[in-house]
């Protein structure tokens, strides 16, 4: 077996806040959106720089508070980009981990 891509599904509870966070602040783009009807929950795919995520309002899709790790380069530049936006709800810092990795913390929000 050789996997080519993993696409996490993240649960969202507020479409407006999810768009503000993922599109407005993190800089993802919307690839597509789906609803079974106008009053049905939203399911959509977003992407940025080779990272693809599915966001879902559907009950049972993912778990609130889930965490994903994304290995990447340029985390310091991304950190600066995010902090320059002065997002009201999150101002991440950088932390050096004992296993020789740097991560932004906290870079999470419950939507």
Protein backbone atom coordinates (compact mmCIF):
# COMPACT_ATOMS: atom_id res chain seq x y z
CA UNK A 1 0.00 0.00 0.00
CA UNK A 2 1.13 3.53 -0.74
CA UNK A 3 -1.04 6.38 0.46
CA UNK A 4 -0.97 9.53 -1.62
CA UNK A 5 -3.03 11.92 0.49
CA UNK A 6 -4.84 12.13 3.82
CA UNK A 7 -7.82 14.49 4.10
CA UNK A 8 -8.99 15.10 7.67
CA UNK A 9 -12.63 15.95 8.33
CA UNK A 10 -13.04 18.67 10.95
CA UNK A 11 -16.38 19.35 12.64
CA UNK A 12 -17.73 22.91 12.48
CA UNK A 13 -20.69 24.32 14.37
CA UNK A 14 -20.90 27.88 13.04
CA UNK A 15 -20.50 28.39 9.29
CA UNK A 16 -19.79 32.12 9.61
CA UNK A 17 -17.05 31.60 12.21
CA UNK A 18 -15.58 28.69 10.23
CA UNK A 19 -15.31 30.86 7.12
CA UNK A 20 -13.79 33.69 9.16
CA UNK A 21 -11.20 31.35 10.69
CA UNK A 22 -10.24 29.03 7.83
CA UNK A 23 -10.73 31.35 4.83
CA UNK A 24 -10.30 34.84 6.25
CA UNK A 25 -7.54 34.22 8.77
CA UNK A 26 -5.72 31.01 7.78
CA UNK A 27 -5.95 31.83 4.06
CA UNK A 28 -7.51 28.62 2.76
CA UNK A 29 -9.64 28.71 -0.39
CA UNK A 30 -12.98 27.00 -0.85
CA UNK A 31 -12.71 24.20 -3.43
CA UNK A 32 -16.35 23.12 -3.27
CA UNK A 33 -19.40 23.11 -1.02
CA UNK A 34 -22.24 20.61 -0.71
CA UNK A 35 -25.65 20.53 0.99
CA UNK A 36 -28.35 17.94 0.40
CA UNK A 37 -30.91 20.79 0.53
CA UNK A 38 -31.01 24.48 1.43
CA UNK A 39 -31.71 23.70 5.08
CA UNK A 40 -29.17 20.84 5.36
CA UNK A 41 -25.76 20.99 7.07
CA UNK A 42 -22.76 22.25 5.10
CA UNK A 43 -19.96 19.95 3.93
CA UNK A 44 -17.07 21.61 2.10
CA UNK A 45 -13.50 21.15 0.99
CA UNK A 46 -10.87 23.83 1.53
CA UNK A 47 -7.20 23.90 0.57
CA UNK A 48 -4.00 25.88 0.85
CA UNK A 49 -0.45 25.09 -0.22
CA UNK A 50 -1.01 21.36 -0.66
CA UNK A 51 -3.12 20.94 2.51
CA UNK A 52 -6.70 19.79 1.96
CA UNK A 53 -9.33 19.74 4.72
CA UNK A 54 -12.99 18.80 4.78
CA UNK A 55 -15.22 20.86 7.07
CA UNK A 56 -18.55 19.40 8.12
CA UNK A 57 -21.60 20.55 10.05
CA UNK A 58 -22.99 16.99 9.94
CA UNK A 59 -23.57 15.27 13.27
CA UNK A 60 -21.20 12.34 13.58
CA UNK A 61 -18.53 13.72 11.25
CA UNK A 62 -15.36 14.04 13.30
CA UNK A 63 -15.08 14.99 16.95
CA UNK A 64 -15.12 18.50 18.44
CA UNK A 65 -11.64 19.41 19.62
CA UNK A 66 -9.82 17.16 17.12
CA UNK A 67 -6.17 17.95 16.43
CA UNK A 68 -4.10 17.38 13.30
CA UNK A 69 -0.38 17.80 12.73
CA UNK A 70 0.81 19.11 9.36
CA UNK A 71 4.51 18.80 8.57
CA UNK A 72 5.67 21.79 6.57
CA UNK A 73 8.45 24.25 5.94
CA UNK A 74 8.18 28.00 6.35
CA UNK A 75 6.31 27.89 9.66
CA UNK A 76 8.01 31.11 10.84
CA UNK A 77 6.78 32.99 7.75
CA UNK A 78 3.28 31.56 8.21
CA UNK A 79 3.38 32.55 11.90
CA UNK A 80 4.30 36.13 10.94
CA UNK A 81 1.55 36.23 8.28
CA UNK A 82 -1.08 35.15 10.81
CA UNK A 83 0.02 37.55 13.55
CA UNK A 84 0.09 40.49 11.12
CA UNK A 85 -3.65 39.97 10.57
CA UNK A 86 -4.36 40.76 14.26
CA UNK A 87 -7.11 38.14 14.46
CA UNK A 88 -9.25 38.85 17.50
CA UNK A 89 -9.60 35.22 18.62
CA UNK A 90 -6.12 33.77 18.18
CA UNK A 91 -2.54 35.06 18.32
CA UNK A 92 -0.33 31.98 18.03
CA UNK A 93 3.22 31.71 19.31
CA UNK A 94 5.99 29.34 18.27
CA UNK A 95 7.22 26.52 20.50
CA UNK A 96 10.30 24.34 20.07
CA UNK A 97 9.50 20.72 20.88
CA UNK A 98 11.99 18.24 22.38
CA UNK A 99 11.74 16.07 19.24
CA UNK A 100 13.26 18.90 17.16
CA UNK A 101 10.04 20.33 15.75
CA UNK A 102 8.59 23.82 15.91
CA UNK A 103 4.85 24.28 16.17
CA UNK A 104 2.48 27.19 16.45
CA UNK A 105 0.56 27.22 19.67
CA UNK A 106 -2.24 27.66 20.21
CA UNK A 107 -3.49 27.36 16.64
CA UNK A 108 -6.90 26.00 17.44
CA UNK A 109 -10.45 27.19 17.73
CA UNK A 110 -13.66 25.37 18.46
CA UNK A 111 -16.26 26.21 15.84
